[in-house]
Amino acid sequence: MAEKILRELKPGEKGKVIKIAGSGSVYRRILDMGIVRGTEIEVERVAPLGDPIEIKIKGYHLSLRKNEAANICIEVG
């Protein structure tokens, strides 16, 4: 299985969160949205300029900024 950063995934790709980097308010915001280790994430859409990224997590949709998605490491495959 390969590791990727969430912002590198294309629409339709999915994987499991294995690590969340960063600190402070960005880290706290990611956790508050329900993105924790072991969570399944699927990329639904990416805006034309790459920001924001729409993901599906636990049955609901979220939009993340590129800088937030850069802190989330995903196991794909």
PDB file of N, CA and C in Angstrom:
ATOM      1  N   MET A   1       0.839  -1.181   0.000  1.00  0.00           N
ATOM      2  CA  MET A   1       0.000   0.000   0.000  1.00  0.00           C
ATOM      3  C   MET A   1       0.883   1.243   0.000  1.00  0.00           C
ATOM      4  N   ALA A   2       0.421   2.244  -0.715  1.00  0.00           N
ATOM      5  CA  ALA A   2       1.210   3.465  -0.866  1.00  0.00           C
ATOM      6  C   ALA A   2       0.694   4.580   0.034  1.00  0.00           C
ATOM      7  N   GLU A   3       1.609   5.426   0.427  1.00  0.00           N
ATOM      8  CA  GLU A   3       1.248   6.604   1.212  1.00  0.00           C
ATOM      9  C   GLU A   3       1.248   7.821   0.303  1.00  0.00           C
ATOM     10  N   LYS A   4       0.227   8.653   0.455  1.00  0.00           N
ATOM     11  CA  LYS A   4       0.132   9.899  -0.298  1.00  0.00           C
ATOM     12  C   LYS A   4      -0.385  10.986   0.626  1.00  0.00           C
ATOM     13  N   ILE A   5      -0.147  12.211   0.211  1.00  0.00           N
ATOM     14  CA  ILE A   5      -0.731  13.357   0.899  1.00  0.00           C
ATOM     15  C   ILE A   5      -2.126  13.556   0.302  1.00  0.00           C
ATOM     16  N   LEU A   6      -3.099  13.906   1.117  1.00  0.00           N
ATOM     17  CA  LEU A   6      -4.481  14.040   0.651  1.00  0.00           C
ATOM     18  C   LEU A   6      -4.597  14.956  -0.556  1.00  0.00           C
ATOM     19  N   ARG A   7      -3.864  16.052  -0.592  1.00  0.00           N
ATOM     20  CA  ARG A   7      -4.003  16.980  -1.720  1.00  0.00           C
ATOM     21  C   ARG A   7      -3.495  16.398  -3.039  1.00  0.00           C
ATOM     22  N   GLU A   8      -2.762  15.268  -2.998  1.00  0.00           N
ATOM     23  CA  GLU A   8      -2.264  14.614  -4.213  1.00  0.00           C
ATOM     24  C   GLU A   8      -3.288  13.670  -4.835  1.00  0.00           C
ATOM     25  N   LEU A   9      -4.333  13.323  -4.091  1.00  0.00           N
ATOM     26  CA  LEU A   9      -5.328  12.380  -4.603  1.00  0.00           C
ATOM     27  C   LEU A   9      -6.211  13.036  -5.654  1.00  0.00           C
ATOM     28  N   LYS A  10      -6.666  12.226  -6.576  1.00  0.00           N
ATOM     29  CA  LYS A  10      -7.556  12.691  -7.638  1.00  0.00           C
ATOM     30  C   LYS A  10      -8.991  12.297  -7.286  1.00  0.00           C
ATOM     31  N   PRO A  11      -9.979  12.956  -7.907  1.00  0.00           N
ATOM     32  CA  PRO A  11     -11.376  12.589  -7.638  1.00  0.00           C
ATOM     33  C   PRO A  11     -11.613  11.096  -7.866  1.00  0.00           C
ATOM     34  N   GLY A  12     -12.329  10.480  -6.930  1.00  0.00           N
ATOM     35  CA  GLY A  12     -12.615   9.056  -6.998  1.00  0.00           C
ATOM     36  C   GLY A  12     -11.643   8.199  -6.198  1.00  0.00           C
ATOM     37  N   GLU A  13     -10.474   8.730  -5.903  1.00  0.00           N
ATOM     38  CA  GLU A  13      -9.503   7.969  -5.107  1.00  0.00           C
ATOM     39  C   GLU A  13      -9.882   8.033  -3.636  1.00  0.00           C
ATOM     40  N   LYS A  14      -9.594   6.944  -2.934  1.00  0.00           N
ATOM     41  CA  LYS A  14      -9.899   6.924  -1.509  1.00  0.00           C
ATOM     42  C   LYS A  14      -8.817   6.195  -0.750  1.00  0.00           C
ATOM     43  N   GLY A  15      -8.823   6.415   0.548  1.00  0.00           N
ATOM     44  CA  GLY A  15      -7.838   5.777   1.400  1.00  0.00           C
ATOM     45  C   GLY A  15      -8.151   6.019   2.859  1.00  0.00           C
ATOM     46  N   LYS A  16      -7.224   5.598   3.697  1.00  0.00           N
ATOM     47  CA  LYS A  16      -7.398   5.683   5.146  1.00  0.00           C
ATOM     48  C   LYS A  16      -6.361   6.646   5.716  1.00  0.00           C
ATOM     49  N   VAL A  17      -6.795   7.497   6.632  1.00  0.00           N
ATOM     50  CA  VAL A  17      -5.891   8.447   7.281  1.00  0.00           C
ATOM     51  C   VAL A  17      -4.906   7.676   8.158  1.00  0.00           C
ATOM     52  N   ILE A  18      -3.607   7.924   7.943  1.00  0.00           N
ATOM     53  CA  ILE A  18      -2.606   7.259   8.776  1.00  0.00           C
ATOM     54  C   ILE A  18      -1.828   8.247   9.639  1.00  0.00           C
ATOM     55  N   LYS A  19      -1.830   9.522   9.240  1.00  0.00           N
ATOM     56  CA  LYS A  19      -1.094  10.509  10.024  1.00  0.00           C
ATOM     57  C   LYS A  19      -1.622  11.905   9.732  1.00  0.00           C
ATOM     58  N   ILE A  20      -1.658  12.733  10.762  1.00  0.00           N
ATOM     59  CA  ILE A  20      -2.018  14.137  10.604  1.00  0.00           C
ATOM     60  C   ILE A  20      -0.852  14.955  11.128  1.00  0.00           C
ATOM     61  N   ALA A  21      -0.278  15.761  10.251  1.00  0.00           N
ATOM     62  CA  ALA A  21       0.859  16.601  10.627  1.00  0.00           C
ATOM     63  C   ALA A  21       0.348  17.978  11.041  1.00  0.00           C
ATOM     64  N   GLY A  22       1.269  18.856  11.326  1.00  0.00           N
ATOM     65  CA  GLY A  22       0.896  20.221  11.663  1.00  0.00           C
ATOM     66  C   GLY A  22       0.630  20.391  13.140  1.00  0.00           C
ATOM     67  N   SER A  23       0.338  21.616  13.488  1.00  0.00           N
ATOM     68  CA  SER A  23       0.055  21.929  14.886  1.00  0.00           C
ATOM     69  C   SER A  23      -0.839  23.156  14.952  1.00  0.00           C
ATOM     70  N   GLY A  24      -1.247  23.485  16.142  1.00  0.00           N
ATOM     71  CA  GLY A  24      -2.030  24.690  16.346  1.00  0.00           C
ATOM     72  C   GLY A  24      -3.427  24.609  15.783  1.00  0.00           C
ATOM     73  N   SER A  25      -3.896  25.727  15.247  1.00  0.00           N
ATOM     74  CA  SER A  25      -5.291  25.841  14.823  1.00  0.00           C
ATOM     75  C   SER A  25      -5.635  24.950  13.629  1.00  0.00           C
ATOM     76  N   VAL A  26      -4.698  24.761  12.707  1.00  0.00           N
ATOM     77  CA  VAL A  26      -4.973  23.904  11.544  1.00  0.00           C
ATOM     78  C   VAL A  26      -5.179  22.459  12.003  1.00  0.00           C
ATOM     79  N   TYR A  27      -4.295  21.982  12.862  1.00  0.00           N
ATOM     80  CA  TYR A  27      -4.404  20.619  13.400  1.00  0.00           C
ATOM     81  C   TYR A  27      -5.728  20.437  14.150  1.00  0.00           C
ATOM     82  N   ARG A  28      -6.059  21.392  14.985  1.00  0.00           N
ATOM     83  CA  ARG A  28      -7.299  21.340  15.776  1.00  0.00           C
ATOM     84  C   ARG A  28      -8.528  21.334  14.858  1.00  0.00           C
ATOM     85  N   ARG A  29      -8.502  22.162  13.799  1.00  0.00           N
ATOM     86  CA  ARG A  29      -9.623  22.234  12.852  1.00  0.00           C
ATOM     87  C   ARG A  29      -9.825  20.896  12.155  1.00  0.00           C
ATOM     88  N   ILE A  30      -8.729  20.259  11.751  1.00  0.00           N
ATOM     89  CA  ILE A  30      -8.808  18.958  11.085  1.00  0.00           C
ATOM     90  C   ILE A  30      -9.460  17.929  12.013  1.00  0.00           C
ATOM     91  N   LEU A  31      -9.021  17.890  13.254  1.00  0.00           N
ATOM     92  CA  LEU A  31      -9.606  16.952  14.220  1.00  0.00           C
ATOM     93  C   LEU A  31     -11.073  17.268  14.489  1.00  0.00           C
ATOM     94  N   ASP A  32     -11.411  18.547  14.602  1.00  0.00           N
ATOM     95  CA  ASP A  32     -12.795  18.955  14.861  1.00  0.00           C
ATOM     96  C   ASP A  32     -13.743  18.540  13.739  1.00  0.00           C
ATOM     97  N   MET A  33     -13.222  18.416  12.515  1.00  0.00           N
ATOM     98  CA  MET A  33     -14.049  17.999  11.379  1.00  0.00           C
ATOM     99  C   MET A  33     -14.241  16.487  11.353  1.00  0.00           C
ATOM    100  N   GLY A  34     -13.619  15.767  12.277  1.00  0.00           N
ATOM    101  CA  GLY A  34     -13.781  14.319  12.335  1.00  0.00           C
ATOM    102  C   GLY A  34     -12.728  13.542  11.579  1.00  0.00           C
ATOM    103  N   ILE A  35     -11.699  14.234  11.115  1.00  0.00           N
ATOM    104  CA  ILE A  35     -10.624  13.561  10.392  1.00  0.00           C
ATOM    105  C   ILE A  35      -9.581  13.123  11.414  1.00  0.00           C
ATOM    106  N   VAL A  36      -9.602  11.829  11.720  1.00  0.00           N
ATOM    107  CA  VAL A  36      -8.677  11.248  12.690  1.00  0.00           C
ATOM    108  C   VAL A  36      -8.052   9.992  12.082  1.00  0.00           C
ATOM    109  N   ARG A  37      -7.004   9.475  12.724  1.00  0.00           N
ATOM    110  CA  ARG A  37      -6.353   8.258  12.234  1.00  0.00           C
ATOM    111  C   ARG A  37      -7.362   7.133  12.068  1.00  0.00           C
ATOM    112  N   GLY A  38      -7.256   6.429  10.939  1.00  0.00           N
ATOM    113  CA  GLY A  38      -8.130   5.295  10.680  1.00  0.00           C
ATOM    114  C   GLY A  38      -9.392   5.635   9.910  1.00  0.00           C
ATOM    115  N   THR A  39      -9.674   6.912   9.723  1.00  0.00           N
ATOM    116  CA  THR A  39     -10.881   7.342   9.018  1.00  0.00           C
ATOM    117  C   THR A  39     -10.728   7.141   7.514  1.00  0.00           C
ATOM    118  N   GLU A  40     -11.780   6.597   6.878  1.00  0.00           N
ATOM    119  CA  GLU A  40     -11.803   6.441   5.420  1.00  0.00           C
ATOM    120  C   GLU A  40     -12.199   7.771   4.784  1.00  0.00           C
ATOM    121  N   ILE A  41     -11.455   8.173   3.747  1.00  0.00           N
ATOM    122  CA  ILE A  41     -11.723   9.425   3.035  1.00  0.00           C
ATOM    123  C   ILE A  41     -11.759   9.141   1.544  1.00  0.00           C
ATOM    124  N   GLU A  42     -12.711   9.755   0.854  1.00  0.00           N
ATOM    125  CA  GLU A  42     -12.771   9.681  -0.611  1.00  0.00           C
ATOM    126  C   GLU A  42     -12.802  11.097  -1.162  1.00  0.00           C
ATOM    127  N   VAL A  43     -11.972  11.361  -2.168  1.00  0.00           N
ATOM    128  CA  VAL A  43     -11.967  12.672  -2.811  1.00  0.00           C
ATOM    129  C   VAL A  43     -13.115  12.708  -3.810  1.00  0.00           C
ATOM    130  N   GLU A  44     -14.017  13.653  -3.634  1.00  0.00           N
ATOM    131  CA  GLU A  44     -15.172  13.800  -4.524  1.00  0.00           C
ATOM    132  C   GLU A  44     -14.850  14.730  -5.694  1.00  0.00           C
ATOM    133  N   ARG A  45     -14.306  15.899  -5.374  1.00  0.00           N
ATOM    134  CA  ARG A  45     -14.034  16.914  -6.388  1.00  0.00           C
ATOM    135  C   ARG A  45     -12.831  17.751  -5.993  1.00  0.00           C
ATOM    136  N   VAL A  46     -12.156  18.282  -7.004  1.00  0.00           N
ATOM    137  CA  VAL A  46     -11.080  19.246  -6.778  1.00  0.00           C
ATOM    138  C   VAL A  46     -11.398  20.455  -7.647  1.00  0.00           C
ATOM    139  N   ALA A  47     -11.379  21.640  -7.055  1.00  0.00           N
ATOM    140  CA  ALA A  47     -11.667  22.867  -7.799  1.00  0.00           C
ATOM    141  C   ALA A  47     -10.636  23.045  -8.917  1.00  0.00           C
ATOM    142  N   PRO A  48     -10.994  23.785  -9.974  1.00  0.00           N
ATOM    143  CA  PRO A  48     -10.096  23.950 -11.122  1.00  0.00           C
ATOM    144  C   PRO A  48      -8.674  24.400 -10.765  1.00  0.00           C
ATOM    145  N   LEU A  49      -8.534  25.260  -9.792  1.00  0.00           N
ATOM    146  CA  LEU A  49      -7.194  25.709  -9.404  1.00  0.00           C
ATOM    147  C   LEU A  49      -6.641  24.901  -8.231  1.00  0.00           C
ATOM    148  N   GLY A  50      -7.327  23.808  -7.884  1.00  0.00           N
ATOM    149  CA  GLY A  50      -6.852  22.915  -6.844  1.00  0.00           C
ATOM    150  C   GLY A  50      -7.238  23.293  -5.424  1.00  0.00           C
ATOM    151  N   ASP A  51      -8.014  24.345  -5.267  1.00  0.00           N
ATOM    152  CA  ASP A  51      -8.378  24.799  -3.925  1.00  0.00           C
ATOM    153  C   ASP A  51      -9.809  25.307  -3.939  1.00  0.00           C
ATOM    154  N   PRO A  52     -10.749  24.751  -3.238  1.00  0.00           N
ATOM    155  CA  PRO A  52     -10.631  23.701  -2.231  1.00  0.00           C
ATOM    156  C   PRO A  52     -10.785  22.298  -2.818  1.00  0.00           C
ATOM    157  N   ILE A  53     -10.632  21.319  -1.940  1.00  0.00           N
ATOM    158  CA  ILE A  53     -10.804  19.908  -2.269  1.00  0.00           C
ATOM    159  C   ILE A  53     -12.031  19.420  -1.509  1.00  0.00           C
ATOM    160  N   GLU A  54     -12.976  18.811  -2.233  1.00  0.00           N
ATOM    161  CA  GLU A  54     -14.171  18.273  -1.567  1.00  0.00           C
ATOM    162  C   GLU A  54     -13.955  16.793  -1.300  1.00  0.00           C
ATOM    163  N   ILE A  55     -14.155  16.398  -0.037  1.00  0.00           N
ATOM    164  CA  ILE A  55     -13.988  14.999   0.343  1.00  0.00           C
ATOM    165  C   ILE A  55     -15.277  14.458   0.949  1.00  0.00           C
ATOM    166  N   LYS A  56     -15.389  13.136   0.928  1.00  0.00           N
ATOM    167  CA  LYS A  56     -16.507  12.459   1.591  1.00  0.00           C
ATOM    168  C   LYS A  56     -15.913  11.676   2.752  1.00  0.00           C
ATOM    169  N   ILE A  57     -16.472  11.910   3.944  1.00  0.00           N
ATOM    170  CA  ILE A  57     -15.971  11.275   5.152  1.00  0.00           C
ATOM    171  C   ILE A  57     -17.146  10.945   6.052  1.00  0.00           C
ATOM    172  N   LYS A  58     -17.228   9.694   6.493  1.00  0.00           N
ATOM    173  CA  LYS A  58     -18.297   9.248   7.388  1.00  0.00           C
ATOM    174  C   LYS A  58     -19.689   9.613   6.863  1.00  0.00           C
ATOM    175  N   GLY A  59     -19.867   9.555   5.539  1.00  0.00           N
ATOM    176  CA  GLY A  59     -21.176   9.796   4.945  1.00  0.00           C
ATOM    177  C   GLY A  59     -21.525  11.248   4.685  1.00  0.00           C
ATOM    178  N   TYR A  60     -20.635  12.179   4.984  1.00  0.00           N
ATOM    179  CA  TYR A  60     -20.935  13.575   4.682  1.00  0.00           C
ATOM    180  C   TYR A  60     -19.788  14.204   3.899  1.00  0.00           C
ATOM    181  N   HIS A  61     -20.061  15.368   3.323  1.00  0.00           N
ATOM    182  CA  HIS A  61     -19.097  16.051   2.463  1.00  0.00           C
ATOM    183  C   HIS A  61     -18.458  17.224   3.191  1.00  0.00           C
ATOM    184  N   LEU A  62     -17.160  17.385   2.979  1.00  0.00           N
ATOM    185  CA  LEU A  62     -16.398  18.493   3.549  1.00  0.00           C
ATOM    186  C   LEU A  62     -15.543  19.114   2.462  1.00  0.00           C
ATOM    187  N   SER A  63     -15.274  20.388   2.600  1.00  0.00           N
ATOM    188  CA  SER A  63     -14.313  21.052   1.727  1.00  0.00           C
ATOM    189  C   SER A  63     -13.113  21.460   2.558  1.00  0.00           C
ATOM    190  N   LEU A  64     -11.942  21.137   2.050  1.00  0.00           N
ATOM    191  CA  LEU A  64     -10.691  21.473   2.728  1.00  0.00           C
ATOM    192  C   LEU A  64      -9.851  22.370   1.843  1.00  0.00           C
ATOM    193  N   ARG A  65      -9.150  23.285   2.454  1.00  0.00           N
ATOM    194  CA  ARG A  65      -8.179  24.089   1.717  1.00  0.00           C
ATOM    195  C   ARG A  65      -6.962  23.213   1.427  1.00  0.00           C
ATOM    196  N   LYS A  66      -6.208  23.619   0.407  1.00  0.00           N
ATOM    197  CA  LYS A  66      -5.005  22.868   0.038  1.00  0.00           C
ATOM    198  C   LYS A  66      -4.021  22.758   1.198  1.00  0.00           C
ATOM    199  N   ASN A  67      -3.867  23.852   1.958  1.00  0.00           N
ATOM    200  CA  ASN A  67      -2.904  23.816   3.064  1.00  0.00           C
ATOM    201  C   ASN A  67      -3.359  22.870   4.175  1.00  0.00           C
ATOM    202  N   GLU A  68      -4.666  22.693   4.347  1.00  0.00           N
ATOM    203  CA  GLU A  68      -5.175  21.727   5.326  1.00  0.00           C
ATOM    204  C   GLU A  68      -4.954  20.303   4.818  1.00  0.00           C
ATOM    205  N   ALA A  69      -5.265  20.082   3.542  1.00  0.00           N
ATOM    206  CA  ALA A  69      -5.114  18.752   2.942  1.00  0.00           C
ATOM    207  C   ALA A  69      -3.651  18.310   2.908  1.00  0.00           C
ATOM    208  N   ALA A  70      -2.730  19.268   2.880  1.00  0.00           N
ATOM    209  CA  ALA A  70      -1.299  18.945   2.847  1.00  0.00           C
ATOM    210  C   ALA A  70      -0.821  18.335   4.163  1.00  0.00           C
ATOM    211  N   ASN A  71      -1.604  18.473   5.223  1.00  0.00           N
ATOM    212  CA  ASN A  71      -1.225  17.939   6.535  1.00  0.00           C
ATOM    213  C   ASN A  71      -1.749  16.532   6.791  1.00  0.00           C
ATOM    214  N   ILE A  72      -2.485  15.968   5.834  1.00  0.00           N
ATOM    215  CA  ILE A  72      -3.140  14.678   6.053  1.00  0.00           C
ATOM    216  C   ILE A  72      -2.486  13.617   5.168  1.00  0.00           C
ATOM    217  N   CYS A  73      -1.919  12.611   5.798  1.00  0.00           N
ATOM    218  CA  CYS A  73      -1.256  11.515   5.091  1.00  0.00           C
ATOM    219  C   CYS A  73      -2.243  10.348   4.982  1.00  0.00           C
ATOM    220  N   ILE A  74      -2.394   9.829   3.758  1.00  0.00           N
ATOM    221  CA  ILE A  74      -3.388   8.803   3.445  1.00  0.00           C
ATOM    222  C   ILE A  74      -2.696   7.538   2.943  1.00  0.00           C
ATOM    223  N   GLU A  75      -3.218   6.389   3.346  1.00  0.00           N
ATOM    224  CA  GLU A  75      -2.768   5.101   2.818  1.00  0.00           C
ATOM    225  C   GLU A  75      -3.757   4.694   1.734  1.00  0.00           C
ATOM    226  N   VAL A  76      -3.277   4.549   0.503  1.00  0.00           N
ATOM    227  CA  VAL A  76      -4.146   4.184  -0.622  1.00  0.00           C
ATOM    228  C   VAL A  76      -3.754   2.814  -1.147  1.00  0.00           C
ATOM    229  N   GLY A  77      -4.723   2.205  -1.851  1.00  0.00           N
ATOM    230  CA  GLY A  77      -4.412   0.935  -2.488  1.00  0.00           C
ATOM    231  C   GLY A  77      -5.000  -0.231  -1.880  1.00  0.00           C
TER     232      GLY A  77
END
